[in-house]
N, C-alpha and C. Protein backbone atom coordinates (compact mmCIF):
# COMPACT_ATOMS: atom_id res chain seq x y z
N MET A 1 1.50 0.73 -30.65
CA MET A 1 0.25 0.61 -29.93
C MET A 1 0.50 0.01 -28.54
N GLN A 2 1.34 -1.00 -28.48
CA GLN A 2 1.67 -1.64 -27.21
C GLN A 2 2.37 -0.64 -26.28
N GLN A 3 3.22 0.20 -26.84
CA GLN A 3 3.92 1.20 -26.03
C GLN A 3 2.93 2.20 -25.45
N ASN A 4 1.94 2.63 -26.24
CA ASN A 4 0.91 3.55 -25.73
C ASN A 4 0.16 2.93 -24.56
N TYR A 5 -0.17 1.65 -24.68
CA TYR A 5 -0.87 0.95 -23.60
C TYR A 5 0.00 0.92 -22.34
N GLN A 6 1.27 0.57 -22.51
CA GLN A 6 2.18 0.51 -21.36
C GLN A 6 2.33 1.89 -20.70
N ASP A 7 2.41 2.93 -21.53
CA ASP A 7 2.52 4.30 -21.00
C ASP A 7 1.27 4.67 -20.20
N ALA A 8 0.10 4.31 -20.72
CA ALA A 8 -1.16 4.62 -20.03
C ALA A 8 -1.24 3.87 -18.70
N MET A 9 -0.82 2.61 -18.69
CA MET A 9 -0.87 1.83 -17.45
C MET A 9 0.12 2.38 -16.41
N ALA A 10 1.28 2.84 -16.86
CA ALA A 10 2.25 3.45 -15.94
C ALA A 10 1.68 4.74 -15.36
N MET A 11 0.97 5.50 -16.18
CA MET A 11 0.34 6.73 -15.71
C MET A 11 -0.70 6.43 -14.63
N VAL A 12 -1.49 5.38 -14.83
CA VAL A 12 -2.51 5.00 -13.85
C VAL A 12 -1.86 4.53 -12.55
N ARG A 13 -0.79 3.74 -12.66
CA ARG A 13 -0.11 3.27 -11.45
C ARG A 13 0.44 4.44 -10.63
N LYS A 14 0.97 5.44 -11.30
CA LYS A 14 1.60 6.55 -10.59
C LYS A 14 0.58 7.58 -10.08
N PHE A 15 -0.42 7.92 -10.91
CA PHE A 15 -1.33 9.02 -10.57
C PHE A 15 -2.76 8.59 -10.28
N GLY A 16 -3.10 7.33 -10.48
CA GLY A 16 -4.48 6.89 -10.29
C GLY A 16 -5.26 6.99 -11.59
N LYS A 17 -6.54 6.65 -11.50
CA LYS A 17 -7.39 6.65 -12.69
C LYS A 17 -7.54 8.07 -13.25
N PRO A 18 -7.62 8.19 -14.57
CA PRO A 18 -7.81 9.51 -15.17
C PRO A 18 -9.14 10.13 -14.73
N ASP A 19 -9.15 11.45 -14.66
CA ASP A 19 -10.35 12.18 -14.27
C ASP A 19 -11.22 12.56 -15.46
N LEU A 20 -10.60 12.79 -16.60
CA LEU A 20 -11.35 13.22 -17.78
C LEU A 20 -10.94 12.41 -19.00
N PHE A 21 -11.94 12.14 -19.85
CA PHE A 21 -11.71 11.53 -21.15
C PHE A 21 -12.30 12.49 -22.17
N LEU A 22 -11.46 13.03 -23.04
CA LEU A 22 -11.91 13.98 -24.05
C LEU A 22 -11.71 13.40 -25.43
N THR A 23 -12.61 13.74 -26.33
CA THR A 23 -12.43 13.42 -27.74
C THR A 23 -12.41 14.74 -28.50
N PHE A 24 -11.38 14.94 -29.30
CA PHE A 24 -11.22 16.15 -30.09
C PHE A 24 -11.24 15.74 -31.55
N THR A 25 -12.25 16.20 -32.28
CA THR A 25 -12.47 15.76 -33.66
C THR A 25 -12.22 16.91 -34.63
N CYS A 26 -11.60 16.60 -35.74
CA CYS A 26 -11.35 17.59 -36.79
C CYS A 26 -12.66 17.95 -37.48
N ASN A 27 -12.83 19.23 -37.75
CA ASN A 27 -13.99 19.72 -38.49
C ASN A 27 -13.50 20.22 -39.84
N PRO A 28 -13.89 19.57 -40.95
CA PRO A 28 -13.40 20.01 -42.25
C PRO A 28 -13.90 21.40 -42.65
N SER A 29 -14.83 21.96 -41.89
CA SER A 29 -15.34 23.30 -42.17
C SER A 29 -14.64 24.39 -41.37
N TRP A 30 -13.58 24.04 -40.63
CA TRP A 30 -12.81 25.07 -39.93
C TRP A 30 -12.32 26.09 -40.96
N SER A 31 -12.37 27.36 -40.60
CA SER A 31 -11.99 28.42 -41.54
C SER A 31 -10.54 28.27 -42.02
N GLU A 32 -9.65 27.81 -41.14
CA GLU A 32 -8.25 27.63 -41.54
C GLU A 32 -8.12 26.62 -42.68
N ILE A 33 -8.98 25.63 -42.69
CA ILE A 33 -8.95 24.63 -43.76
C ILE A 33 -9.58 25.20 -45.02
N LEU A 34 -10.77 25.77 -44.89
CA LEU A 34 -11.48 26.29 -46.06
C LEU A 34 -10.73 27.42 -46.74
N ASN A 35 -10.06 28.27 -45.95
CA ASN A 35 -9.31 29.38 -46.54
C ASN A 35 -8.06 28.92 -47.29
N SER A 36 -7.65 27.68 -47.07
CA SER A 36 -6.47 27.14 -47.75
C SER A 36 -6.81 26.44 -49.06
N MET A 37 -8.09 26.31 -49.35
CA MET A 37 -8.51 25.64 -50.58
C MET A 37 -8.33 26.58 -51.77
N GLU A 38 -7.94 26.01 -52.89
CA GLU A 38 -7.75 26.79 -54.11
C GLU A 38 -8.77 26.35 -55.15
N GLY A 39 -9.42 27.30 -55.77
CA GLY A 39 -10.38 26.98 -56.83
C GLY A 39 -11.52 26.12 -56.33
N VAL A 40 -11.70 24.98 -56.99
CA VAL A 40 -12.82 24.08 -56.66
C VAL A 40 -12.41 22.97 -55.70
N GLN A 41 -11.25 23.11 -55.08
CA GLN A 41 -10.80 22.09 -54.14
C GLN A 41 -11.75 21.98 -52.96
N ARG A 42 -11.84 20.76 -52.46
CA ARG A 42 -12.61 20.48 -51.25
C ARG A 42 -11.63 19.99 -50.19
N PRO A 43 -12.01 20.07 -48.92
CA PRO A 43 -11.09 19.63 -47.86
C PRO A 43 -10.59 18.19 -48.06
N GLU A 44 -11.44 17.30 -48.51
CA GLU A 44 -11.01 15.91 -48.70
C GLU A 44 -9.97 15.75 -49.81
N ASP A 45 -9.80 16.79 -50.63
CA ASP A 45 -8.76 16.77 -51.66
C ASP A 45 -7.38 17.11 -51.09
N ARG A 46 -7.35 17.66 -49.87
CA ARG A 46 -6.09 18.12 -49.27
C ARG A 46 -5.92 17.58 -47.86
N PRO A 47 -5.68 16.27 -47.73
CA PRO A 47 -5.49 15.70 -46.39
C PRO A 47 -4.29 16.30 -45.67
N ASP A 48 -3.32 16.80 -46.41
CA ASP A 48 -2.15 17.42 -45.78
C ASP A 48 -2.54 18.66 -44.99
N ILE A 49 -3.43 19.46 -45.55
CA ILE A 49 -3.89 20.67 -44.85
C ILE A 49 -4.75 20.29 -43.65
N ILE A 50 -5.63 19.31 -43.84
CA ILE A 50 -6.49 18.86 -42.74
C ILE A 50 -5.65 18.43 -41.55
N VAL A 51 -4.65 17.59 -41.79
CA VAL A 51 -3.82 17.08 -40.69
C VAL A 51 -2.99 18.20 -40.07
N ARG A 52 -2.48 19.09 -40.87
CA ARG A 52 -1.67 20.19 -40.35
C ARG A 52 -2.50 21.10 -39.43
N VAL A 53 -3.71 21.46 -39.87
CA VAL A 53 -4.58 22.32 -39.06
C VAL A 53 -5.01 21.58 -37.80
N PHE A 54 -5.37 20.29 -37.94
CA PHE A 54 -5.77 19.50 -36.78
C PHE A 54 -4.65 19.47 -35.73
N ASN A 55 -3.43 19.23 -36.16
CA ASN A 55 -2.30 19.17 -35.22
C ASN A 55 -2.07 20.51 -34.53
N MET A 56 -2.21 21.61 -35.26
CA MET A 56 -2.05 22.93 -34.65
C MET A 56 -3.13 23.17 -33.60
N LYS A 57 -4.37 22.81 -33.92
CA LYS A 57 -5.47 23.03 -32.98
C LYS A 57 -5.36 22.09 -31.77
N LEU A 58 -4.92 20.86 -31.99
CA LEU A 58 -4.72 19.93 -30.88
C LEU A 58 -3.64 20.46 -29.94
N LYS A 59 -2.56 20.97 -30.51
CA LYS A 59 -1.48 21.54 -29.70
C LYS A 59 -2.00 22.72 -28.87
N GLU A 60 -2.82 23.58 -29.47
CA GLU A 60 -3.41 24.71 -28.74
C GLU A 60 -4.32 24.23 -27.62
N LEU A 61 -5.13 23.20 -27.91
CA LEU A 61 -6.03 22.65 -26.89
C LEU A 61 -5.24 22.11 -25.70
N LEU A 62 -4.22 21.32 -25.98
CA LEU A 62 -3.41 20.76 -24.90
C LEU A 62 -2.69 21.85 -24.11
N GLU A 63 -2.28 22.90 -24.78
CA GLU A 63 -1.65 24.02 -24.09
C GLU A 63 -2.65 24.72 -23.17
N ASP A 64 -3.88 24.93 -23.65
CA ASP A 64 -4.91 25.55 -22.82
C ASP A 64 -5.22 24.69 -21.60
N ILE A 65 -5.27 23.38 -21.81
CA ILE A 65 -5.60 22.47 -20.71
C ILE A 65 -4.45 22.35 -19.72
N CYS A 66 -3.25 22.13 -20.23
CA CYS A 66 -2.10 21.83 -19.35
C CYS A 66 -1.42 23.08 -18.80
N LYS A 67 -1.15 24.05 -19.63
CA LYS A 67 -0.41 25.23 -19.17
C LYS A 67 -1.31 26.28 -18.55
N HIS A 68 -2.49 26.45 -19.10
CA HIS A 68 -3.39 27.49 -18.60
C HIS A 68 -4.41 26.95 -17.60
N GLY A 69 -4.43 25.64 -17.42
CA GLY A 69 -5.23 25.03 -16.36
C GLY A 69 -6.72 25.25 -16.43
N ILE A 70 -7.32 25.14 -17.60
CA ILE A 70 -8.76 25.40 -17.70
C ILE A 70 -9.60 24.38 -16.93
N PHE A 71 -9.04 23.20 -16.66
CA PHE A 71 -9.73 22.19 -15.85
C PHE A 71 -9.09 22.05 -14.47
N GLY A 72 -8.08 22.81 -14.20
CA GLY A 72 -7.30 22.68 -12.98
C GLY A 72 -5.89 22.24 -13.32
N THR A 73 -5.13 21.88 -12.31
CA THR A 73 -3.75 21.45 -12.51
C THR A 73 -3.71 20.03 -13.06
N VAL A 74 -3.03 19.86 -14.18
CA VAL A 74 -2.92 18.54 -14.82
C VAL A 74 -1.66 17.86 -14.31
N LEU A 75 -1.84 16.67 -13.74
CA LEU A 75 -0.69 15.88 -13.29
C LEU A 75 -0.10 15.08 -14.43
N ALA A 76 -0.97 14.53 -15.28
CA ALA A 76 -0.51 13.69 -16.39
C ALA A 76 -1.58 13.65 -17.47
N TYR A 77 -1.12 13.45 -18.70
CA TYR A 77 -2.06 13.24 -19.80
C TYR A 77 -1.42 12.34 -20.84
N ILE A 78 -2.27 11.71 -21.59
CA ILE A 78 -1.84 10.87 -22.71
C ILE A 78 -2.92 10.95 -23.77
N TYR A 79 -2.52 10.87 -25.03
CA TYR A 79 -3.52 10.89 -26.09
C TYR A 79 -3.08 10.00 -27.24
N VAL A 80 -4.07 9.63 -28.03
CA VAL A 80 -3.83 8.85 -29.24
C VAL A 80 -4.65 9.48 -30.35
N ILE A 81 -4.10 9.53 -31.54
CA ILE A 81 -4.80 10.07 -32.70
C ILE A 81 -5.23 8.91 -33.59
N GLU A 82 -6.50 8.93 -33.98
CA GLU A 82 -7.05 7.93 -34.88
C GLU A 82 -7.69 8.65 -36.06
N PHE A 83 -7.99 7.88 -37.10
CA PHE A 83 -8.66 8.44 -38.27
C PHE A 83 -10.01 7.76 -38.44
N GLN A 84 -11.04 8.58 -38.65
CA GLN A 84 -12.38 8.06 -38.88
C GLN A 84 -12.45 7.44 -40.27
N LYS A 85 -13.54 6.73 -40.54
CA LYS A 85 -13.69 6.10 -41.86
C LYS A 85 -13.65 7.10 -43.00
N ARG A 86 -14.14 8.31 -42.74
CA ARG A 86 -14.12 9.31 -43.82
C ARG A 86 -12.80 10.07 -43.89
N GLY A 87 -11.81 9.63 -43.10
CA GLY A 87 -10.47 10.16 -43.22
C GLY A 87 -10.10 11.29 -42.29
N LEU A 88 -11.02 11.74 -41.45
CA LEU A 88 -10.73 12.86 -40.56
C LEU A 88 -10.07 12.37 -39.27
N PRO A 89 -9.04 13.09 -38.82
CA PRO A 89 -8.39 12.69 -37.57
C PRO A 89 -9.20 13.11 -36.35
N HIS A 90 -9.05 12.34 -35.29
CA HIS A 90 -9.59 12.73 -33.98
C HIS A 90 -8.65 12.19 -32.92
N ALA A 91 -8.65 12.85 -31.77
CA ALA A 91 -7.77 12.47 -30.67
C ALA A 91 -8.60 12.07 -29.46
N HIS A 92 -8.17 10.99 -28.80
CA HIS A 92 -8.73 10.59 -27.51
C HIS A 92 -7.70 10.99 -26.46
N ILE A 93 -8.13 11.77 -25.48
CA ILE A 93 -7.21 12.33 -24.49
C ILE A 93 -7.65 11.91 -23.09
N LEU A 94 -6.71 11.37 -22.32
CA LEU A 94 -6.95 11.05 -20.91
C LEU A 94 -6.19 12.06 -20.05
N LEU A 95 -6.89 12.63 -19.07
CA LEU A 95 -6.28 13.63 -18.19
C LEU A 95 -6.42 13.21 -16.74
N THR A 96 -5.34 13.32 -16.00
CA THR A 96 -5.38 13.12 -14.55
C THR A 96 -5.12 14.48 -13.91
N LEU A 97 -6.06 14.91 -13.08
CA LEU A 97 -5.99 16.23 -12.46
C LEU A 97 -5.53 16.13 -11.02
N ASP A 98 -4.97 17.21 -10.52
CA ASP A 98 -4.54 17.29 -9.12
C ASP A 98 -5.77 17.57 -8.27
N SER A 99 -6.17 16.63 -7.45
CA SER A 99 -7.38 16.77 -6.64
C SER A 99 -7.17 17.68 -5.43
N GLU A 100 -5.93 17.99 -5.12
CA GLU A 100 -5.63 18.82 -3.95
C GLU A 100 -5.71 20.31 -4.25
N ARG A 101 -5.92 20.68 -5.49
CA ARG A 101 -5.97 22.11 -5.83
C ARG A 101 -7.34 22.50 -6.28
């Protein structure tokens, strides 16, 4: 946790304050999760599938933002993953954009 804080502060020193703060939350009703259930299983019975699908979707989101530039050119980003009380993961993402483009 301390390392994440230090990384975020270094990012601010180099690039300035972040431009965007995003929260990406797992939805247990995503089709990829529901299609992986067997019989009477519910998503909360398979945290392994929930986390695996969440990580794949988070990776896709970051790729869309950083490589495909849906918000513009990204100079830097940092994120942290937390778990809600009901066990679902969510990510807090800070983005610093290039203001010259």
